[in-house]
Amino acid sequence: PFQYIKADSAKKNTLNSNYDLWSYSQDDKNVMAKSKDTEAN
């Protein structure tokens, strides 16, 4: 499944101002991680 988060400026829940969209592609380990998790790693 494609992963997608609509931006909420109050929650600061995305890296982009509108939405984050991503595919885990070949990654079969971090399949519950979210876009914001990549800020720290």
Full PDB file with SEQRES, HELIX, SHEET, SSBOND, CRYST1, ORIGX, SCALE, CONECT and MASTER records, all heavy atoms in Angstrom:
SEQRES   1 A   41  PRO PHE GLN TYR ILE LYS ALA ASP SER ALA LYS LYS ASN          
SEQRES   2 A   41  THR LEU ASN SER ASN TYR ASP LEU TRP SER TYR SER GLN          
SEQRES   3 A   41  ASP ASP LYS ASN VAL MET ALA LYS SER LYS ASP THR GLU          
SEQRES   4 A   41  ALA ASN                                                      
HELIX    1 AA1 ASP A   37  ALA A   40  1                                   4    
SHEET    1 AA1 2 GLN A   3  LYS A   6  0                                        
SHEET    2 AA1 2 TYR A  19  TRP A  22 -1                                        
CRYST1    1.000    1.000    1.000  90.00  90.00  90.00 P 1           1          
ORIGX1      1.000000  0.000000  0.000000        0.00000                         
ORIGX2      0.000000  1.000000  0.000000        0.00000                         
ORIGX3      0.000000  0.000000  1.000000        0.00000                         
SCALE1      1.000000  0.000000  0.000000        0.00000                         
SCALE2      0.000000  1.000000  0.000000        0.00000                         
SCALE3      0.000000  0.000000  1.000000        0.00000                         
ATOM      1  N   PRO A   1       0.811  -1.220   0.000  1.00  0.00           N  
ATOM      2  CA  PRO A   1       0.000   0.000   0.000  1.00  0.00           C  
ATOM      3  C   PRO A   1       0.844   1.269   0.000  1.00  0.00           C  
ATOM      4  O   PRO A   1       1.841   1.361   0.713  1.00  0.00           O  
ATOM      5  CB  PRO A   1      -0.809  -0.107   1.301  1.00  0.00           C  
ATOM      6  CG  PRO A   1      -0.009  -1.020   2.176  1.00  0.00           C  
ATOM      7  CD  PRO A   1       0.667  -1.985   1.251  1.00  0.00           C  
ATOM      8  N   PHE A   2       0.434   2.231  -0.823  1.00  0.00           N  
ATOM      9  CA  PHE A   2       1.065   3.546  -0.759  1.00  0.00           C  
ATOM     10  C   PHE A   2       0.755   4.151   0.602  1.00  0.00           C  
ATOM     11  O   PHE A   2      -0.315   3.933   1.169  1.00  0.00           O  
ATOM     12  CB  PHE A   2       0.527   4.466  -1.857  1.00  0.00           C  
ATOM     13  CG  PHE A   2       1.321   4.403  -3.126  1.00  0.00           C  
ATOM     14  CD1 PHE A   2       0.838   3.720  -4.227  1.00  0.00           C  
ATOM     15  CD2 PHE A   2       2.558   5.022  -3.211  1.00  0.00           C  
ATOM     16  CE1 PHE A   2       1.578   3.658  -5.400  1.00  0.00           C  
ATOM     17  CE2 PHE A   2       3.308   4.967  -4.378  1.00  0.00           C  
ATOM     18  CZ  PHE A   2       2.806   4.284  -5.482  1.00  0.00           C  
ATOM     19  N   GLN A   3       1.697   4.909   1.116  1.00  0.00           N  
ATOM     20  CA  GLN A   3       1.533   5.600   2.387  1.00  0.00           C  
ATOM     21  C   GLN A   3       1.350   7.087   2.099  1.00  0.00           C  
ATOM     22  O   GLN A   3       2.013   7.649   1.207  1.00  0.00           O  
ATOM     23  CB  GLN A   3       2.743   5.364   3.287  1.00  0.00           C  
ATOM     24  CG  GLN A   3       3.018   3.897   3.583  1.00  0.00           C  
ATOM     25  CD  GLN A   3       1.881   3.223   4.324  1.00  0.00           C  
ATOM     26  OE1 GLN A   3       1.446   3.694   5.367  1.00  0.00           O  
ATOM     27  NE2 GLN A   3       1.397   2.111   3.778  1.00  0.00           N  
ATOM     28  N   TYR A   4       0.473   7.711   2.873  1.00  0.00           N  
ATOM     29  CA  TYR A   4       0.114   9.100   2.600  1.00  0.00           C  
ATOM     30  C   TYR A   4      -0.368   9.738   3.894  1.00  0.00           C  
ATOM     31  O   TYR A   4      -1.120   9.121   4.660  1.00  0.00           O  
ATOM     32  CB  TYR A   4      -1.005   9.103   1.547  1.00  0.00           C  
ATOM     33  CG  TYR A   4      -1.790  10.382   1.411  1.00  0.00           C  
ATOM     34  CD1 TYR A   4      -1.332  11.426   0.617  1.00  0.00           C  
ATOM     35  CD2 TYR A   4      -3.032  10.526   2.047  1.00  0.00           C  
ATOM     36  CE1 TYR A   4      -2.087  12.590   0.471  1.00  0.00           C  
ATOM     37  CE2 TYR A   4      -3.784  11.683   1.901  1.00  0.00           C  
ATOM     38  CZ  TYR A   4      -3.301  12.711   1.108  1.00  0.00           C  
ATOM     39  OH  TYR A   4      -4.041  13.853   0.967  1.00  0.00           O  
ATOM     40  N   ILE A   5       0.103  10.957   4.150  1.00  0.00           N  
ATOM     41  CA  ILE A   5      -0.358  11.715   5.320  1.00  0.00           C  
ATOM     42  C   ILE A   5      -0.671  13.137   4.860  1.00  0.00           C  
ATOM     43  O   ILE A   5       0.187  13.820   4.288  1.00  0.00           O  
ATOM     44  CB  ILE A   5       0.702  11.758   6.437  1.00  0.00           C  
ATOM     45  CG1 ILE A   5       1.051  10.345   6.915  1.00  0.00           C  
ATOM     46  CG2 ILE A   5       0.219  12.602   7.609  1.00  0.00           C  
ATOM     47  CD1 ILE A   5       2.181  10.297   7.934  1.00  0.00           C  
ATOM     48  N   LYS A   6      -1.902  13.571   5.101  1.00  0.00           N  
ATOM     49  CA  LYS A   6      -2.270  14.954   4.805  1.00  0.00           C  
ATOM     50  C   LYS A   6      -1.691  15.854   5.890  1.00  0.00           C  
ATOM     51  O   LYS A   6      -1.760  15.545   7.073  1.00  0.00           O  
ATOM     52  CB  LYS A   6      -3.797  15.090   4.768  1.00  0.00           C  
ATOM     53  CG  LYS A   6      -4.265  16.503   4.459  1.00  0.00           C  
ATOM     54  CD  LYS A   6      -5.771  16.617   4.502  1.00  0.00           C  
ATOM     55  CE  LYS A   6      -6.220  18.044   4.284  1.00  0.00           C  
ATOM     56  NZ  LYS A   6      -7.678  18.183   4.392  1.00  0.00           N  
ATOM     57  N   ALA A   7      -1.111  16.970   5.472  1.00  0.00           N  
ATOM     58  CA  ALA A   7      -0.473  17.882   6.422  1.00  0.00           C  
ATOM     59  C   ALA A   7      -1.486  18.558   7.340  1.00  0.00           C  
ATOM     60  O   ALA A   7      -2.567  18.944   6.919  1.00  0.00           O  
ATOM     61  CB  ALA A   7       0.321  18.945   5.672  1.00  0.00           C  
ATOM     62  N   ASP A   8      -1.109  18.643   8.597  1.00  0.00           N  
ATOM     63  CA  ASP A   8      -1.869  19.377   9.609  1.00  0.00           C  
ATOM     64  C   ASP A   8      -0.870  20.315  10.283  1.00  0.00           C  
ATOM     65  O   ASP A   8      -0.001  19.858  11.036  1.00  0.00           O  
ATOM     66  CB  ASP A   8      -2.484  18.401  10.614  1.00  0.00           C  
ATOM     67  CG  ASP A   8      -3.346  19.091  11.667  1.00  0.00           C  
ATOM     68  OD1 ASP A   8      -3.017  20.234  12.051  1.00  0.00           O  
ATOM     69  OD2 ASP A   8      -4.330  18.482  12.119  1.00  0.00           O  
ATOM     70  N   SER A   9      -0.970  21.611   9.992  1.00  0.00           N  
ATOM     71  CA  SER A   9       0.024  22.564  10.492  1.00  0.00           C  
ATOM     72  C   SER A   9       0.078  22.606  12.014  1.00  0.00           C  
ATOM     73  O   SER A   9       1.142  22.829  12.605  1.00  0.00           O  
ATOM     74  CB  SER A   9      -0.247  23.971   9.947  1.00  0.00           C  
ATOM     75  OG  SER A   9      -1.559  24.385  10.288  1.00  0.00           O  
ATOM     76  N   ALA A  10      -1.044  22.361  12.667  1.00  0.00           N  
ATOM     77  CA  ALA A  10      -1.067  22.367  14.140  1.00  0.00           C  
ATOM     78  C   ALA A  10      -0.302  21.173  14.703  1.00  0.00           C  
ATOM     79  O   ALA A  10       0.408  21.289  15.701  1.00  0.00           O  
ATOM     80  CB  ALA A  10      -2.503  22.360  14.643  1.00  0.00           C  
ATOM     81  N   LYS A  11      -0.452  20.031  14.054  1.00  0.00           N  
ATOM     82  CA  LYS A  11       0.213  18.810  14.530  1.00  0.00           C  
ATOM     83  C   LYS A  11       1.644  18.673  14.017  1.00  0.00           C  
ATOM     84  O   LYS A  11       2.418  17.883  14.538  1.00  0.00           O  
ATOM     85  CB  LYS A  11      -0.588  17.580  14.095  1.00  0.00           C  
ATOM     86  CG  LYS A  11      -1.966  17.475  14.746  1.00  0.00           C  
ATOM     87  CD  LYS A  11      -2.685  16.238  14.235  1.00  0.00           C  
ATOM     88  CE  LYS A  11      -4.068  16.118  14.841  1.00  0.00           C  
ATOM     89  NZ  LYS A  11      -4.830  14.967  14.287  1.00  0.00           N  
ATOM     90  N   LYS A  12       1.966  19.433  12.951  1.00  0.00           N  
ATOM     91  CA  LYS A  12       3.288  19.324  12.317  1.00  0.00           C  
ATOM     92  C   LYS A  12       3.611  17.857  12.033  1.00  0.00           C  
ATOM     93  O   LYS A  12       4.662  17.336  12.412  1.00  0.00           O  
ATOM     94  CB  LYS A  12       4.365  19.955  13.207  1.00  0.00           C  
ATOM     95  CG  LYS A  12       4.142  21.440  13.428  1.00  0.00           C  
ATOM     96  CD  LYS A  12       5.234  22.075  14.260  1.00  0.00           C  
ATOM     97  CE  LYS A  12       4.985  23.553  14.430  1.00  0.00           C  
ATOM     98  NZ  LYS A  12       5.979  24.213  15.290  1.00  0.00           N  
ATOM     99  N   ASN A  13       2.691  17.212  11.362  1.00  0.00           N  
ATOM    100  CA  ASN A  13       2.773  15.763  11.161  1.00  0.00           C  
ATOM    101  C   ASN A  13       3.430  15.325   9.862  1.00  0.00           C  
ATOM    102  O   ASN A  13       3.560  14.134   9.596  1.00  0.00           O  
ATOM    103  CB  ASN A  13       1.360  15.163  11.214  1.00  0.00           C  
ATOM    104  CG  ASN A  13       0.447  15.728  10.135  1.00  0.00           C  
ATOM    105  OD1 ASN A  13       0.676  16.828   9.617  1.00  0.00           O  
ATOM    106  ND2 ASN A  13      -0.589  14.996   9.788  1.00  0.00           N  
ATOM    107  N   THR A  14       3.838  16.310   9.013  1.00  0.00           N  
ATOM    108  CA  THR A  14       4.454  15.953   7.736  1.00  0.00           C  
ATOM    109  C   THR A  14       5.744  16.729   7.498  1.00  0.00           C  
ATOM    110  O   THR A  14       6.005  17.734   8.152  1.00  0.00           O  
ATOM    111  CB  THR A  14       3.490  16.243   6.563  1.00  0.00           C  
ATOM    112  OG1 THR A  14       3.132  17.632   6.594  1.00  0.00           O  
ATOM    113  CG2 THR A  14       2.228  15.388   6.637  1.00  0.00           C  
ATOM    114  N   LEU A  15       6.515  16.270   6.530  1.00  0.00           N  
ATOM    115  CA  LEU A  15       7.732  16.966   6.131  1.00  0.00           C  
ATOM    116  C   LEU A  15       7.421  18.018   5.072  1.00  0.00           C  
ATOM    117  O   LEU A  15       8.091  19.031   4.982  1.00  0.00           O  
ATOM    118  CB  LEU A  15       8.760  15.961   5.600  1.00  0.00           C  
ATOM    119  CG  LEU A  15       9.202  14.894   6.609  1.00  0.00           C  
ATOM    120  CD1 LEU A  15      10.080  13.850   5.940  1.00  0.00           C  
ATOM    121  CD2 LEU A  15       9.959  15.530   7.772  1.00  0.00           C  
ATOM    122  N   ASN A  16       6.413  17.747   4.246  1.00  0.00           N  
ATOM    123  CA  ASN A  16       5.975  18.698   3.227  1.00  0.00           C  
ATOM    124  C   ASN A  16       4.810  19.528   3.754  1.00  0.00           C  
ATOM    125  O   ASN A  16       4.120  19.123   4.691  1.00  0.00           O  
ATOM    126  CB  ASN A  16       5.536  17.948   1.957  1.00  0.00           C  
ATOM    127  CG  ASN A  16       6.703  17.297   1.243  1.00  0.00           C  
ATOM    128  OD1 ASN A  16       7.719  17.927   1.003  1.00  0.00           O  
ATOM    129  ND2 ASN A  16       6.559  16.023   0.922  1.00  0.00           N  
ATOM    130  N   SER A  17       4.554  20.661   3.106  1.00  0.00           N  
ATOM    131  CA  SER A  17       3.491  21.547   3.588  1.00  0.00           C  
ATOM    132  C   SER A  17       2.087  21.065   3.216  1.00  0.00           C  
ATOM    133  O   SER A  17       1.120  21.437   3.887  1.00  0.00           O  
ATOM    134  CB  SER A  17       3.702  22.963   3.035  1.00  0.00           C  
ATOM    135  OG  SER A  17       3.713  22.937   1.618  1.00  0.00           O  
ATOM    136  N   ASN A  18       1.949  20.243   2.186  1.00  0.00           N  
ATOM    137  CA  ASN A  18       0.629  19.753   1.766  1.00  0.00           C  
ATOM    138  C   ASN A  18       0.360  18.312   2.199  1.00  0.00           C  
ATOM    139  O   ASN A  18      -0.660  18.014   2.790  1.00  0.00           O  
ATOM    140  CB  ASN A  18       0.472  19.860   0.252  1.00  0.00           C  
ATOM    141  CG  ASN A  18       0.468  21.294  -0.235  1.00  0.00           C  
ATOM    142  OD1 ASN A  18      -0.057  22.176   0.442  1.00  0.00           O  
ATOM    143  ND2 ASN A  18       1.063  21.537  -1.383  1.00  0.00           N  
ATOM    144  N   TYR A  19       1.287  17.428   1.873  1.00  0.00           N  
ATOM    145  CA  TYR A  19       1.146  16.009   2.230  1.00  0.00           C  
ATOM    146  C   TYR A  19       2.465  15.292   1.987  1.00  0.00           C  
ATOM    147  O   TYR A  19       3.310  15.761   1.217  1.00  0.00           O  
ATOM    148  CB  TYR A  19       0.028  15.337   1.407  1.00  0.00           C  
ATOM    149  CG  TYR A  19       0.263  15.368  -0.093  1.00  0.00           C  
ATOM    150  CD1 TYR A  19       1.072  14.416  -0.728  1.00  0.00           C  
ATOM    151  CD2 TYR A  19      -0.319  16.354  -0.888  1.00  0.00           C  
ATOM    152  CE1 TYR A  19       1.300  14.461  -2.096  1.00  0.00           C  
ATOM    153  CE2 TYR A  19      -0.098  16.410  -2.251  1.00  0.00           C  
ATOM    154  CZ  TYR A  19       0.712  15.451  -2.848  1.00  0.00           C  
ATOM    155  OH  TYR A  19       0.941  15.499  -4.197  1.00  0.00           O  
ATOM    156  N   ASP A  20       2.638  14.186   2.652  1.00  0.00           N  
ATOM    157  CA  ASP A  20       3.757  13.276   2.400  1.00  0.00           C  
ATOM    158  C   ASP A  20       3.192  12.035   1.727  1.00  0.00           C  
ATOM    159  O   ASP A  20       2.161  11.499   2.137  1.00  0.00           O  
ATOM    160  CB  ASP A  20       4.453  12.869   3.710  1.00  0.00           C  
ATOM    161  CG  ASP A  20       5.212  14.020   4.361  1.00  0.00           C  
ATOM    162  OD1 ASP A  20       5.426  15.051   3.695  1.00  0.00           O  
ATOM    163  OD2 ASP A  20       5.578  13.883   5.536  1.00  0.00           O  
ATOM    164  N   LEU A  21       3.866  11.579   0.676  1.00  0.00           N  
ATOM    165  CA  LEU A  21       3.459  10.401  -0.076  1.00  0.00           C  
ATOM    166  C   LEU A  21       4.683   9.536  -0.297  1.00  0.00           C  
ATOM    167  O   LEU A  21       5.726  10.043  -0.713  1.00  0.00           O  
ATOM    168  CB  LEU A  21       2.866  10.837  -1.424  1.00  0.00           C  
ATOM    169  CG  LEU A  21       2.484   9.735  -2.413  1.00  0.00           C  
ATOM    170  CD1 LEU A  21       1.273   8.958  -1.921  1.00  0.00           C  
ATOM    171  CD2 LEU A  21       2.202  10.344  -3.796  1.00  0.00           C  
ATOM    172  N   TRP A  22       4.566   8.254   0.012  1.00  0.00           N  
ATOM    173  CA  TRP A  22       5.726   7.388  -0.193  1.00  0.00           C  
ATOM    174  C   TRP A  22       5.345   5.925  -0.386  1.00  0.00           C  
ATOM    175  O   TRP A  22       4.249   5.494  -0.059  1.00  0.00           O  
ATOM    176  CB  TRP A  22       6.731   7.520   0.947  1.00  0.00           C  
ATOM    177  CG  TRP A  22       6.345   6.918   2.269  1.00  0.00           C  
ATOM    178  CD1 TRP A  22       6.733   5.693   2.763  1.00  0.00           C  
ATOM    179  CD2 TRP A  22       5.537   7.502   3.298  1.00  0.00           C  
ATOM    180  NE1 TRP A  22       6.215   5.500   4.025  1.00  0.00           N  
ATOM    181  CE2 TRP A  22       5.476   6.591   4.382  1.00  0.00           C  
ATOM    182  CE3 TRP A  22       4.844   8.717   3.416  1.00  0.00           C  
ATOM    183  CZ2 TRP A  22       4.754   6.847   5.544  1.00  0.00           C  
ATOM    184  CZ3 TRP A  22       4.118   8.966   4.579  1.00  0.00           C  
ATOM    185  CH2 TRP A  22       4.086   8.041   5.619  1.00  0.00           C  
ATOM    186  N   SER A  23       6.326   5.207  -0.944  1.00  0.00           N  
ATOM    187  CA  SER A  23       6.254   3.750  -1.106  1.00  0.00           C  
ATOM    188  C   SER A  23       7.421   3.182  -0.320  1.00  0.00           C  
ATOM    189  O   SER A  23       8.526   3.727  -0.360  1.00  0.00           O  
ATOM    190  CB  SER A  23       6.400   3.383  -2.586  1.00  0.00           C  
ATOM    191  OG  SER A  23       6.916   2.074  -2.735  1.00  0.00           O  
ATOM    192  N   TYR A  24       7.181   2.084   0.388  1.00  0.00           N  
ATOM    193  CA  TYR A  24       8.291   1.431   1.089  1.00  0.00           C  
ATOM    194  C   TYR A  24       9.223   0.735   0.112  1.00  0.00           C  
ATOM    195  O   TYR A  24      10.329   0.350   0.478  1.00  0.00           O  
ATOM    196  CB  TYR A  24       7.760   0.423   2.112  1.00  0.00           C  
ATOM    197  CG  TYR A  24       7.065   1.067   3.290  1.00  0.00           C  
ATOM    198  CD1 TYR A  24       5.735   0.805   3.566  1.00  0.00           C  
ATOM    199  CD2 TYR A  24       7.749   1.936   4.126  1.00  0.00           C  
ATOM    200  CE1 TYR A  24       5.092   1.383   4.653  1.00  0.00           C  
ATOM    201  CE2 TYR A  24       7.124   2.534   5.211  1.00  0.00           C  
ATOM    202  CZ  TYR A  24       5.790   2.250   5.467  1.00  0.00           C  
ATOM    203  OH  TYR A  24       5.159   2.842   6.539  1.00  0.00           O  
ATOM    204  N   SER A  25       8.778   0.549  -1.122  1.00  0.00           N  
ATOM    205  CA  SER A  25       9.599  -0.031  -2.170  1.00  0.00           C  
ATOM    206  C   SER A  25      10.212  -1.365  -1.722  1.00  0.00           C  
ATOM    207  O   SER A  25       9.482  -2.254  -1.313  1.00  0.00           O  
ATOM    208  CB  SER A  25      10.671   0.984  -2.586  1.00  0.00           C  
ATOM    209  OG  SER A  25      11.414   0.526  -3.664  1.00  0.00           O  
ATOM    210  N   GLN A  26      11.535  -1.480  -1.759  1.00  0.00           N  
ATOM    211  CA  GLN A  26      12.183  -2.747  -1.394  1.00  0.00           C  
ATOM    212  C   GLN A  26      12.380  -2.923   0.108  1.00  0.00           C  
ATOM    213  O   GLN A  26      12.877  -3.962   0.540  1.00  0.00           O  
ATOM    214  CB  GLN A  26      13.555  -2.854  -2.087  1.00  0.00           C  
ATOM    215  CG  GLN A  26      13.451  -2.943  -3.594  1.00  0.00           C  
ATOM    216  CD  GLN A  26      14.417  -1.998  -4.275  1.00  0.00           C  
ATOM    217  OE1 GLN A  26      14.289  -0.785  -4.195  1.00  0.00           O  
ATOM    218  NE2 GLN A  26      15.400  -2.557  -4.955  1.00  0.00           N  
ATOM    219  N   ASP A  27      12.029  -1.933   0.888  1.00  0.00           N  
ATOM    220  CA  ASP A  27      12.198  -2.010   2.343  1.00  0.00           C  
ATOM    221  C   ASP A  27      11.089  -2.876   2.937  1.00  0.00           C  
ATOM    222  O   ASP A  27       9.924  -2.497   2.936  1.00  0.00           O  
ATOM    223  CB  ASP A  27      12.146  -0.609   2.952  1.00  0.00           C  
ATOM    224  CG  ASP A  27      12.464  -0.596   4.442  1.00  0.00           C  
ATOM    225  OD1 ASP A  27      12.572  -1.686   5.039  1.00  0.00           O  
ATOM    226  OD2 ASP A  27      12.605   0.510   5.000  1.00  0.00           O  
ATOM    227  N   ASP A  28      11.460  -4.040   3.440  1.00  0.00           N  
ATOM    228  CA  ASP A  28      10.447  -4.909   4.050  1.00  0.00           C  
ATOM    229  C   ASP A  28      10.621  -5.005   5.568  1.00  0.00           C  
ATOM    230  O   ASP A  28      10.047  -5.865   6.214  1.00  0.00           O  
ATOM    231  CB  ASP A  28      10.462  -6.308   3.421  1.00  0.00           C  
ATOM    232  CG  ASP A  28      11.797  -7.017   3.567  1.00  0.00           C  
ATOM    233  OD1 ASP A  28      12.729  -6.413   4.148  1.00  0.00           O  
ATOM    234  OD2 ASP A  28      11.912  -8.154   3.102  1.00  0.00           O  
ATOM    235  N   LYS A  29      11.404  -4.074   6.126  1.00  0.00           N  
ATOM    236  CA  LYS A  29      11.638  -4.074   7.576  1.00  0.00           C  
ATOM    237  C   LYS A  29      10.934  -2.918   8.289  1.00  0.00           C  
ATOM    238  O   LYS A  29      10.384  -3.094   9.370  1.00  0.00           O  
ATOM    239  CB  LYS A  29      13.141  -4.012   7.866  1.00  0.00           C  
ATOM    240  CG  LYS A  29      13.890  -5.256   7.417  1.00  0.00           C  
ATOM    241  CD  LYS A  29      15.373  -5.137   7.720  1.00  0.00           C  
ATOM    242  CE  LYS A  29      16.109  -6.386   7.242  1.00  0.00           C  
ATOM    243  NZ  LYS A  29      17.569  -6.260   7.452  1.00  0.00           N  
ATOM    244  N   ASN A  30      10.969  -1.739   7.694  1.00  0.00           N  
ATOM    245  CA  ASN A  30      10.448  -0.540   8.367  1.00  0.00           C  
ATOM    246  C   ASN A  30       9.058  -0.175   7.868  1.00  0.00           C  
ATOM    247  O   ASN A  30       8.754   0.985   7.618  1.00  0.00           O  
ATOM    248  CB  ASN A  30      11.415   0.631   8.130  1.00  0.00           C  
ATOM    249  CG  ASN A  30      12.810   0.306   8.603  1.00  0.00           C  
ATOM    250  OD1 ASN A  30      13.035   0.063   9.779  1.00  0.00           O  
ATOM    251  ND2 ASN A  30      13.758   0.279   7.678  1.00  0.00           N  
ATOM    252  N   VAL A  31       8.202  -1.174   7.718  1.00  0.00           N  
ATOM    253  CA  VAL A  31       6.921  -0.984   7.043  1.00  0.00           C  
ATOM    254  C   VAL A  31       5.838  -0.329   7.906  1.00  0.00           C  
ATOM    255  O   VAL A  31       4.731  -0.129   7.422  1.00  0.00           O  
ATOM    256  CB  VAL A  31       6.400  -2.317   6.468  1.00  0.00           C  
ATOM    257  CG1 VAL A  31       7.350  -2.841   5.400  1.00  0.00           C  
ATOM    258  CG2 VAL A  31       6.214  -3.351   7.568  1.00  0.00           C  
ATOM    259  N   MET A  32       6.156   0.003   9.149  1.00  0.00           N  
ATOM    260  CA  MET A  32       5.201   0.755   9.970  1.00  0.00           C  
ATOM    261  C   MET A  32       5.737   2.154  10.282  1.00  0.00           C  
ATOM    262  O   MET A  32       5.092   2.933  10.980  1.00  0.00           O  
ATOM    263  CB  MET A  32       4.900  -0.004  11.267  1.00  0.00           C  
ATOM    264  CG  MET A  32       4.159  -1.315  11.062  1.00  0.00           C  
ATOM    265  SD  MET A  32       2.544  -1.131  10.271  1.00  0.00           S  
ATOM    266  CE  MET A  32       1.570  -0.592  11.671  1.00  0.00           C  
ATOM    267  N   ALA A  33       6.920   2.476   9.745  1.00  0.00           N  
ATOM    268  CA  ALA A  33       7.500   3.806   9.978  1.00  0.00           C  
ATOM    269  C   ALA A  33       6.757   4.855   9.164  1.00  0.00           C  
ATOM    270  O   ALA A  33       6.178   4.560   8.122  1.00  0.00           O  
ATOM    271  CB  ALA A  33       8.981   3.793   9.595  1.00  0.00           C  
ATOM    272  N   LYS A  34       6.778   6.098   9.669  1.00  0.00           N  
ATOM    273  CA  LYS A  34       6.119   7.209   8.989  1.00  0.00           C  
ATOM    274  C   LYS A  34       7.160   8.201   8.475  1.00  0.00           C  
ATOM    275  O   LYS A  34       8.329   8.153   8.856  1.00  0.00           O  
ATOM    276  CB  LYS A  34       5.149   7.905   9.948  1.00  0.00           C  
ATOM    277  CG  LYS A  34       3.988   7.028  10.379  1.00  0.00           C  
ATOM    278  CD  LYS A  34       3.016   7.807  11.250  1.00  0.00           C  
ATOM    279  CE  LYS A  34       1.831   6.940  11.656  1.00  0.00           C  
ATOM    280  NZ  LYS A  34       0.863   7.693  12.493  1.00  0.00           N  
ATOM    281  N   SER A  35       6.710   9.110   7.631  1.00  0.00           N  
ATOM    282  CA  SER A  35       7.619  10.080   7.017  1.00  0.00           C  
ATOM    283  C   SER A  35       8.401  10.880   8.058  1.00  0.00           C  
ATOM    284  O   SER A  35       9.608  11.090   7.918  1.00  0.00           O  
ATOM    285  CB  SER A  35       6.840  11.024   6.098  1.00  0.00           C  
ATOM    286  OG  SER A  35       5.737  11.601   6.778  1.00  0.00           O  
ATOM    287  N   LYS A  36       7.738  11.324   9.126  1.00  0.00           N  
ATOM    288  CA  LYS A  36       8.406  12.137  10.147  1.00  0.00           C  
ATOM    289  C   LYS A  36       9.505  11.369  10.878  1.00  0.00           C  
ATOM    290  O   LYS A  36      10.437  11.962  11.408  1.00  0.00           O  
ATOM    291  CB  LYS A  36       7.383  12.665  11.168  1.00  0.00           C  
ATOM    292  CG  LYS A  36       6.508  13.787  10.652  1.00  0.00           C  
ATOM    293  CD  LYS A  36       7.225  15.114  10.559  1.00  0.00           C  
ATOM    294  CE  LYS A  36       7.363  15.786  11.901  1.00  0.00           C  
ATOM    295  NZ  LYS A  36       7.956  17.123  11.810  1.00  0.00           N  
ATOM    296  N   ASP A  37       9.411  10.038  10.874  1.00  0.00           N  
ATOM    297  CA  ASP A  37      10.440   9.228  11.533  1.00  0.00           C  
ATOM    298  C   ASP A  37      11.795   9.371  10.849  1.00  0.00           C  
ATOM    299  O   ASP A  37      12.834   9.148  11.472  1.00  0.00           O  
ATOM    300  CB  ASP A  37      10.037   7.739  11.539  1.00  0.00           C  
ATOM    301  CG  ASP A  37       8.776   7.491  12.347  1.00  0.00           C  
ATOM    302  OD1 ASP A  37       8.499   8.267  13.276  1.00  0.00           O  
ATOM    303  OD2 ASP A  37       8.063   6.509  12.042  1.00  0.00           O  
ATOM    304  N   THR A  38      11.789   9.762   9.572  1.00  0.00           N  
ATOM    305  CA  THR A  38      13.053   9.891   8.839  1.00  0.00           C  
ATOM    306  C   THR A  38      13.804  11.166   9.206  1.00  0.00           C  
ATOM    307  O   THR A  38      14.963  11.323   8.841  1.00  0.00           O  
ATOM    308  CB  THR A  38      12.811   9.863   7.315  1.00  0.00           C  
ATOM    309  OG1 THR A  38      12.038  11.008   6.931  1.00  0.00           O  
ATOM    310  CG2 THR A  38      12.089   8.593   6.895  1.00  0.00           C  
ATOM    311  N   GLU A  39      13.148  12.088   9.916  1.00  0.00           N  
ATOM    312  CA  GLU A  39      13.841  13.306  10.359  1.00  0.00           C  
ATOM    313  C   GLU A  39      14.985  12.961  11.301  1.00  0.00           C  
ATOM    314  O   GLU A  39      16.076  13.513  11.211  1.00  0.00           O  
ATOM    315  CB  GLU A  39      12.857  14.250  11.072  1.00  0.00           C  
ATOM    316  CG  GLU A  39      12.145  15.195  10.161  1.00  0.00           C  
ATOM    317  CD  GLU A  39      11.340  16.228  10.920  1.00  0.00           C  
ATOM    318  OE1 GLU A  39      10.750  15.903  11.961  1.00  0.00           O  
ATOM    319  OE2 GLU A  39      11.303  17.385  10.451  1.00  0.00           O  
ATOM    320  N   ALA A  40      14.726  12.051  12.208  1.00  0.00           N  
ATOM    321  CA  ALA A  40      15.739  11.666  13.188  1.00  0.00           C  
ATOM    322  C   ALA A  40      16.696  10.613  12.633  1.00  0.00           C  
ATOM    323  O   ALA A  40      17.808  10.460  13.133  1.00  0.00           O  
ATOM    324  CB  ALA A  40      15.065  11.127  14.452  1.00  0.00           C  
ATOM    325  N   ASN A  41      16.240   9.889  11.606  1.00  0.00           N  
ATOM    326  CA  ASN A  41      17.066   8.816  11.049  1.00  0.00           C  
ATOM    327  C   ASN A  41      16.866   8.763   9.541  1.00  0.00           C  
ATOM    328  O   ASN A  41      15.987   8.066   9.037  1.00  0.00           O  
ATOM    329  CB  ASN A  41      16.679   7.482  11.693  1.00  0.00           C  
ATOM    330  CG  ASN A  41      17.499   6.315  11.190  1.00  0.00           C  
ATOM    331  OD1 ASN A  41      18.454   6.508  10.436  1.00  0.00           O  
ATOM    332  ND2 ASN A  41      17.126   5.113  11.591  1.00  0.00           N  
TER     333      ASN A  41                                                      
MASTER        0    0    0    1    2    0    0    6  332    1    0    4          
END                                                                             
